[in-house]
């Protein structure tokens, strides 16, 4: 049955390309939307994940970074650093502002960190150094590429000129980028005596959740969370801000993709009406026809899924270069959801014309 289904599918190159190509493009539409949303979430939490911190300590009630303001004291930092199991504590200052590149403004998270501390600064450098001195900065390579900047060029942050001495990687998203300057420069320009967050590294074998709970128990003025919890809260804020738009996009993409898949498989089976009639004429049973149709459907969807995944992989490599901040990341639960929905609709769409063929009088085929 598989061989016969394959012969049916590959008999005509045009029908093969239209059939498998139609399924591939429909799956591509559905999977690309999910991949785009997942990639955007990954990009927006990239600094948290890349920071190397096991625990984030913020102002009481602050549970994320995006569109949040946090201020804790140096005393809060010392209390957190003395918690059992903490190996190091690094302060950062944080705000969102516009970076004037001289070739257009770029919205950016500004991170003020201490180069002498182990955490807080850029962890993935493509060029240059993160050992900053006065009035020096690290910007993301995607921003540098899109604005024609390089090492030694200057940008304006808080109205002051900073020399680019490093290019980070993977910290630009569809909303903004991340720019690093020294903690001392940040504090001098903003006049802040507080810090925004404390980033803690715990000792090997120590549970970050337990450390966070101990810090919260000792100090009511802060909220301490493990990196996992902090990143999850950041993702949730992003989802809450755009849940209606995301759901609408996903629903529209899913419905269009399913409709295209169903129509493609329906016409693919119907176009082989004569061949199925010949099978009936030589004695094939209805169950054999249904088995061939089912096999043809599975082959079409399998090949279509393979092509779709390959296209998304290729787009994932090309898009960040063409559109800085756009990233595609496939999540297997999304792939499984799309595949199951497509399999259901595709099977129904293929079996409807198969039922018509099963009722077909073979004589009609030869007369037609």
Protein backbone atom coordinates (compact mmCIF):
# COMPACT_ATOMS: atom_id res chain seq x y z
CA UNK A 1 0.00 0.00 0.00
CA UNK A 2 2.85 2.37 0.81
CA UNK A 3 4.48 1.68 -2.56
CA UNK A 4 1.20 2.24 -4.40
CA UNK A 5 0.56 5.43 -2.45
CA UNK A 6 4.04 6.68 -3.32
CA UNK A 7 3.53 5.85 -7.01
CA UNK A 8 0.25 7.76 -6.94
CA UNK A 9 1.91 10.72 -5.24
CA UNK A 10 5.00 10.86 -7.46
CA UNK A 11 3.36 9.91 -10.77
CA UNK A 12 3.24 13.53 -11.90
CA UNK A 13 5.96 15.98 -10.90
CA UNK A 14 3.50 18.86 -11.11
CA UNK A 15 0.94 17.18 -8.86
CA UNK A 16 3.72 16.09 -6.52
CA UNK A 17 5.08 19.61 -6.14
CA UNK A 18 1.63 21.12 -5.76
CA UNK A 19 0.52 18.50 -3.25
CA UNK A 20 3.58 18.28 -1.05
CA UNK A 21 4.42 21.96 -1.60
CA UNK A 22 0.93 23.05 -0.57
CA UNK A 23 1.13 21.03 2.64
CA UNK A 24 4.67 22.33 3.31
CA UNK A 25 3.65 25.98 2.88
CA UNK A 26 0.59 25.51 5.10
CA UNK A 27 2.69 23.90 7.82
CA UNK A 28 5.32 26.59 7.35
CA UNK A 29 2.71 29.29 8.02
CA UNK A 30 1.52 27.62 11.21
CA UNK A 31 4.96 26.71 12.53
CA UNK A 32 6.60 30.01 11.58
CA UNK A 33 4.14 32.03 13.68
CA UNK A 34 4.81 29.86 16.72
CA UNK A 35 8.55 29.95 16.05
CA UNK A 36 8.50 33.74 15.75
CA UNK A 37 6.65 34.16 19.05
CA UNK A 38 8.86 31.65 20.86
CA UNK A 39 11.97 33.29 19.42
CA UNK A 40 10.76 36.72 20.54
CA UNK A 41 10.23 35.45 24.09
CA UNK A 42 13.70 33.88 24.08
CA UNK A 43 15.25 37.15 22.88
CA UNK A 44 13.43 39.23 25.49
CA UNK A 45 14.74 37.02 28.30
CA UNK A 46 18.21 36.60 26.77
CA UNK A 47 19.98 38.90 29.25
CA UNK A 48 18.48 37.06 32.22
CA UNK A 49 19.50 33.68 30.82
CA UNK A 50 22.96 34.82 29.71
CA UNK A 51 23.73 36.74 32.92
CA UNK A 52 25.06 33.69 34.73
CA UNK A 53 23.15 34.66 37.86
CA UNK A 54 21.40 31.94 39.87
CA UNK A 55 19.32 34.39 41.94
CA UNK A 56 18.00 37.89 41.18
CA UNK A 57 17.30 40.27 44.06
CA UNK A 58 14.97 43.20 43.32
CA UNK A 59 12.87 45.74 45.15
CA UNK A 60 9.98 44.27 47.10
CA UNK A 61 7.18 43.36 44.70
CA UNK A 62 9.30 43.63 41.53
CA UNK A 63 9.43 40.27 39.77
CA UNK A 64 10.78 41.09 36.30
CA UNK A 65 12.82 43.61 34.30
CA UNK A 66 10.74 44.57 31.26
CA UNK A 67 8.94 47.88 31.92
CA UNK A 68 9.83 47.59 35.61
CA UNK A 69 11.67 49.90 38.00
CA UNK A 70 13.60 48.48 40.92
CA UNK A 71 15.71 50.16 43.60
CA UNK A 72 17.47 48.38 46.45
CA UNK A 73 20.14 49.63 48.81
CA UNK A 74 23.74 48.53 49.16
CA UNK A 75 22.70 47.19 52.57
CA UNK A 76 20.17 44.93 50.83
CA UNK A 77 23.00 43.69 48.61
CA UNK A 78 25.20 42.91 51.62
CA UNK A 79 22.40 41.04 53.39
CA UNK A 80 21.78 38.96 50.28
CA UNK A 81 25.49 38.26 49.80
CA UNK A 82 25.73 36.88 53.35
CA UNK A 83 22.94 34.34 52.82
CA UNK A 84 24.06 30.75 53.21
CA UNK A 85 25.18 29.24 49.93
CA UNK A 86 25.91 32.53 48.09
CA UNK A 87 29.29 32.55 46.33
CA UNK A 88 29.21 36.12 44.94
CA UNK A 89 26.92 39.15 44.61
CA UNK A 90 27.12 41.64 41.75
CA UNK A 91 25.17 44.93 41.58
CA UNK A 92 23.67 46.41 38.41
CA UNK A 93 21.85 49.60 37.55
CA UNK A 94 19.14 49.32 34.93
CA UNK A 95 16.82 51.53 32.91
CA UNK A 96 15.30 51.77 29.44
CA UNK A 97 16.23 54.73 27.28
CA UNK A 98 17.20 55.75 23.76
CA UNK A 99 20.75 55.36 22.51
CA UNK A 100 21.71 57.97 19.92
CA UNK A 101 23.92 56.17 17.40
CA UNK A 102 24.35 59.17 15.12
CA UNK A 103 22.54 57.17 12.45
CA UNK A 104 19.21 56.87 14.22
CA UNK A 105 17.99 56.27 17.75
CA UNK A 106 17.80 52.77 19.20
CA UNK A 107 15.62 51.86 22.18
CA UNK A 108 17.79 49.94 24.62
CA UNK A 109 18.06 48.47 28.08
CA UNK A 110 20.99 50.24 29.70
CA UNK A 111 22.85 47.96 32.11
CA UNK A 112 25.38 49.55 34.44
CA UNK A 113 27.71 46.86 35.80
CA UNK A 114 30.98 46.66 37.67
CA UNK A 115 33.68 45.08 35.47
CA UNK A 116 35.46 43.93 38.62
CA UNK A 117 32.47 41.77 39.60
CA UNK A 118 31.80 38.35 38.04
CA UNK A 119 28.20 38.98 36.93
CA UNK A 120 26.11 41.65 35.26
CA UNK A 121 28.12 42.36 32.14
CA UNK A 122 27.94 40.83 28.65
CA UNK A 123 28.74 37.12 28.63
CA UNK A 124 28.90 36.55 24.87
CA UNK A 125 31.25 38.93 23.07
CA UNK A 126 31.74 38.80 19.33
CA UNK A 127 34.48 41.43 19.34
CA UNK A 128 36.29 43.78 21.68
CA UNK A 129 36.29 43.65 25.47
CA UNK A 130 33.92 43.93 28.42
CA UNK A 131 36.65 45.36 30.68
CA UNK A 132 35.20 48.85 30.48
CA UNK A 133 36.84 52.09 31.51
CA UNK A 134 35.33 55.55 31.90
CA UNK A 135 32.86 56.54 29.13
CA UNK A 136 33.12 53.18 27.35
CA UNK A 137 30.25 50.95 26.25
CA UNK A 138 29.37 47.56 24.80
CA UNK A 139 26.53 47.42 22.28
CA UNK A 140 24.97 44.44 20.51
CA UNK A 141 26.46 43.39 17.19
CA UNK A 142 23.01 43.48 15.52
CA UNK A 143 22.67 47.17 16.38
CA UNK A 144 26.22 47.84 15.22
CA UNK A 145 25.57 46.08 11.90
CA UNK A 146 22.24 47.83 11.27
CA UNK A 147 23.68 51.27 12.09
CA UNK A 148 27.07 50.82 10.47
CA UNK A 149 28.98 51.08 13.75
CA UNK A 150 32.18 49.40 14.88
CA UNK A 151 34.76 49.39 17.62
CA UNK A 152 36.04 52.89 18.29
CA UNK A 153 32.85 54.65 17.17
CA UNK A 154 30.82 56.68 19.65
CA UNK A 155 27.18 56.69 20.76
CA UNK A 156 25.29 58.99 23.09
CA UNK A 157 23.73 57.60 26.28
CA UNK A 158 21.95 59.96 28.69
CA UNK A 159 23.28 62.76 26.46
CA UNK A 160 26.93 61.80 27.01
CA UNK A 161 29.31 60.29 24.47
CA UNK A 162 30.52 56.71 25.01
CA UNK A 163 33.16 54.91 22.96
CA UNK A 164 32.24 51.44 21.71
CA UNK A 165 34.89 48.98 22.91
CA UNK A 166 32.90 45.74 22.72
CA UNK A 167 30.21 44.04 20.63
CA UNK A 168 27.93 41.58 22.40
CA UNK A 169 25.92 38.86 20.68
CA UNK A 170 22.29 37.74 20.99
CA UNK A 171 20.90 40.68 22.96
CA UNK A 172 18.75 42.42 20.35
CA UNK A 173 15.05 41.66 20.08
CA UNK A 174 12.01 43.02 18.24
CA UNK A 175 11.53 45.70 20.94
CA UNK A 176 14.99 46.86 21.95
CA UNK A 177 18.61 45.90 22.52
CA UNK A 178 20.94 45.82 25.54
CA UNK A 179 23.76 48.32 26.05
CA UNK A 180 26.39 48.00 28.79
CA UNK A 181 28.26 50.79 30.55
CA UNK A 182 30.15 50.95 33.84
CA UNK A 183 28.15 51.07 37.04
CA UNK A 184 30.11 54.15 38.12
CA UNK A 185 29.30 56.04 34.90
CA UNK A 186 25.61 55.12 35.18
CA UNK A 187 25.45 56.29 38.82
CA UNK A 188 27.26 59.56 38.06
CA UNK A 189 24.98 60.42 35.14
CA UNK A 190 21.74 59.50 36.90
CA UNK A 191 22.76 60.62 40.39
CA UNK A 192 21.63 57.30 41.88
CA UNK A 193 22.91 56.09 45.24
CA UNK A 194 20.82 52.90 45.07
CA UNK A 195 21.19 49.93 42.75
CA UNK A 196 18.53 48.23 40.64
CA UNK A 197 19.20 44.51 41.06
CA UNK A 198 21.67 42.21 42.76
CA UNK A 199 22.80 39.18 40.79
CA UNK A 200 23.89 36.26 42.95
CA UNK A 201 25.95 33.21 42.11
CA UNK A 202 25.39 30.29 44.45
CA UNK A 203 27.89 27.64 45.45
CA UNK A 204 27.93 24.33 43.56
CA UNK A 205 25.23 21.97 44.73
CA UNK A 206 23.17 24.70 46.42
CA UNK A 207 19.52 25.08 45.42
CA UNK A 208 18.86 28.66 44.13
CA UNK A 209 15.21 28.42 45.20
CA UNK A 210 16.28 27.75 48.78
CA UNK A 211 18.71 30.69 48.71
CA UNK A 212 15.99 33.01 47.35
CA UNK A 213 13.56 31.87 50.06
CA UNK A 214 16.18 32.49 52.77
CA UNK A 215 16.86 36.03 51.49
CA UNK A 216 13.13 36.83 51.39
CA UNK A 217 12.76 35.58 54.96
CA UNK A 218 15.60 37.81 56.20
CA UNK A 219 14.69 41.02 54.36
CA UNK A 220 11.14 42.28 53.75
CA UNK A 221 12.39 45.09 51.49
CA UNK A 222 13.40 42.83 48.62
CA UNK A 223 12.04 40.09 46.39
CA UNK A 224 14.55 37.36 45.59
CA UNK A 225 13.87 34.82 42.84
CA UNK A 226 15.82 32.08 41.14
CA UNK A 227 16.85 32.69 37.55
CA UNK A 228 14.26 30.17 36.36
CA UNK A 229 11.43 31.91 38.21
CA UNK A 230 12.63 35.39 37.22
CA UNK A 231 12.78 34.43 33.52
CA UNK A 232 9.34 32.83 33.74
CA UNK A 233 7.88 36.01 35.23
CA UNK A 234 9.50 38.03 32.44
CA UNK A 235 7.94 35.78 29.81
CA UNK A 236 4.56 36.01 31.52
CA UNK A 237 4.66 39.82 31.49
CA UNK A 238 5.36 39.77 27.76
CA UNK A 239 2.53 37.30 27.15
CA UNK A 240 0.09 39.33 29.27
CA UNK A 241 0.90 42.48 27.31
CA UNK A 242 0.19 40.93 23.93
CA UNK A 243 -1.94 37.86 24.65
CA UNK A 244 -4.91 38.96 22.50
CA UNK A 245 -2.75 39.81 19.50
CA UNK A 246 -0.74 36.61 19.81
CA UNK A 247 -3.83 34.45 20.17
CA UNK A 248 -5.43 36.13 17.15
CA UNK A 249 -2.31 35.63 15.03
CA UNK A 250 -1.98 32.01 16.07
CA UNK A 251 -5.66 31.26 15.51
CA UNK A 252 -5.66 32.94 12.08
CA UNK A 253 -2.48 31.18 11.02
CA UNK A 254 -3.76 27.83 12.25
CA UNK A 255 -7.12 28.15 10.48
CA UNK A 256 -5.57 29.29 7.20
CA UNK A 257 -2.95 26.56 7.36
CA UNK A 258 -5.50 23.87 8.12
CA UNK A 259 -7.75 25.09 5.31
CA UNK A 260 -4.89 25.01 2.80
CA UNK A 261 -3.80 21.58 4.00
CA UNK A 262 -7.33 20.20 3.79
CA UNK A 263 -7.90 21.62 0.30
CA UNK A 264 -4.54 20.35 -0.95
CA UNK A 265 -5.10 16.80 0.29
CA UNK A 266 -8.74 16.81 -0.90
CA UNK A 267 -7.82 17.79 -4.45
CA UNK A 268 -4.82 15.44 -4.37
CA UNK A 269 -7.05 12.44 -3.78
CA UNK A 270 -9.78 13.64 -6.13
CA UNK A 271 -7.25 14.12 -8.94
CA UNK A 272 -6.51 10.37 -8.76
CA UNK A 273 -10.16 9.42 -9.14
CA UNK A 274 -9.52 7.54 -12.38
CA UNK A 275 -6.62 5.53 -10.89
CA UNK A 276 -8.73 4.49 -7.93
CA UNK A 277 -11.53 3.51 -10.28
CA UNK A 278 -9.12 1.27 -12.18
CA UNK A 279 -8.11 -0.36 -8.88
CA UNK A 280 -11.76 -1.09 -8.16
CA UNK A 281 -12.21 -2.50 -11.64
CA UNK A 282 -9.43 -5.04 -11.13
CA UNK A 283 -10.89 -6.17 -7.83
CA UNK A 284 -9.52 -3.89 -5.10
CA UNK A 285 -11.71 -3.74 -2.01
CA UNK A 286 -12.85 -0.49 -0.43
CA UNK A 287 -10.57 -1.09 2.54
CA UNK A 288 -7.62 -1.23 0.15
CA UNK A 289 -8.63 2.12 -1.35
CA UNK A 290 -8.91 3.69 2.08
CA UNK A 291 -5.51 2.26 3.04
CA UNK A 292 -3.89 3.74 -0.08
CA UNK A 293 -5.53 7.13 0.54
CA UNK A 294 -4.40 7.11 4.18
CA UNK A 295 -0.86 6.17 3.17
CA UNK A 296 -0.81 8.91 0.53
CA UNK A 297 -2.00 11.43 3.11
CA UNK A 298 0.67 10.42 5.64
CA UNK A 299 3.38 10.58 2.96
CA UNK A 300 2.25 14.03 1.84
CA UNK A 301 2.19 15.33 5.39
CA UNK A 302 5.51 13.71 6.31
CA UNK A 303 7.29 15.18 3.31
CA UNK A 304 5.52 18.52 3.81
CA UNK A 305 6.57 18.64 7.47
CA UNK A 306 10.16 17.85 6.53
CA UNK A 307 10.26 20.64 3.96
CA UNK A 308 8.56 23.07 6.38
CA UNK A 309 11.05 22.35 9.17
CA UNK A 310 13.91 22.76 6.73
CA UNK A 311 12.56 26.11 5.54
CA UNK A 312 12.12 27.36 9.11
CA UNK A 313 15.66 26.27 9.95
CA UNK A 314 16.94 28.18 6.92
CA UNK A 315 14.87 31.25 7.77
CA UNK A 316 16.19 31.09 11.32
CA UNK A 317 19.71 31.48 9.94
CA UNK A 318 18.91 34.21 7.41
CA UNK A 319 16.33 36.40 9.18
CA UNK A 320 18.59 37.75 11.97
CA UNK A 321 20.89 39.09 9.27
CA UNK A 322 18.11 40.64 7.23
CA UNK A 323 16.00 41.92 10.15
CA UNK A 324 18.04 42.45 13.35
CA UNK A 325 16.15 41.33 16.43
CA UNK A 326 13.92 38.80 14.66
CA UNK A 327 14.57 35.24 15.73
CA UNK A 328 12.82 31.93 15.03
CA UNK A 329 12.83 29.21 17.69
CA UNK A 330 10.78 26.05 17.31
CA UNK A 331 9.23 24.52 20.42
CA UNK A 332 8.40 20.83 20.08
CA UNK A 333 5.01 21.18 21.86
CA UNK A 334 4.05 23.64 19.10
CA UNK A 335 5.24 21.24 16.39
CA UNK A 336 3.24 18.41 17.96
CA UNK A 337 0.11 20.56 18.29
CA UNK A 338 0.28 21.67 14.66
CA UNK A 339 1.04 18.16 13.45
CA UNK A 340 -1.90 16.60 15.31
CA UNK A 341 -4.33 19.27 14.12
CA UNK A 342 -3.09 18.94 10.55
CA UNK A 343 -3.25 15.15 10.68
CA UNK A 344 -6.87 15.28 11.83
CA UNK A 345 -7.98 17.80 9.19
CA UNK A 346 -5.87 16.17 6.49
CA UNK A 347 -7.25 12.71 7.15
CA UNK A 348 -10.84 13.95 7.06
CA UNK A 349 -10.17 15.96 3.87
CA UNK A 350 -8.61 12.94 2.17
CA UNK A 351 -11.22 10.40 3.26
CA UNK A 352 -14.18 12.47 2.01
CA UNK A 353 -13.20 12.06 -1.68
CA UNK A 354 -12.02 8.51 -0.92
CA UNK A 355 -15.58 7.70 0.17
CA UNK A 356 -16.84 9.06 -3.14
CA UNK A 357 -14.33 6.86 -4.97
CA UNK A 358 -15.41 3.83 -2.93
CA UNK A 359 -18.96 4.34 -4.20
CA UNK A 360 -17.77 4.77 -7.75
CA UNK A 361 -18.90 2.32 -10.41
CA UNK A 362 -15.73 1.28 -12.28
CA UNK A 363 -17.66 1.32 -15.55
CA UNK A 364 -18.12 5.10 -15.16
CA UNK A 365 -14.36 5.56 -15.17
CA UNK A 366 -13.89 3.78 -18.44
CA UNK A 367 -16.89 5.49 -20.01
CA UNK A 368 -15.62 8.92 -18.75
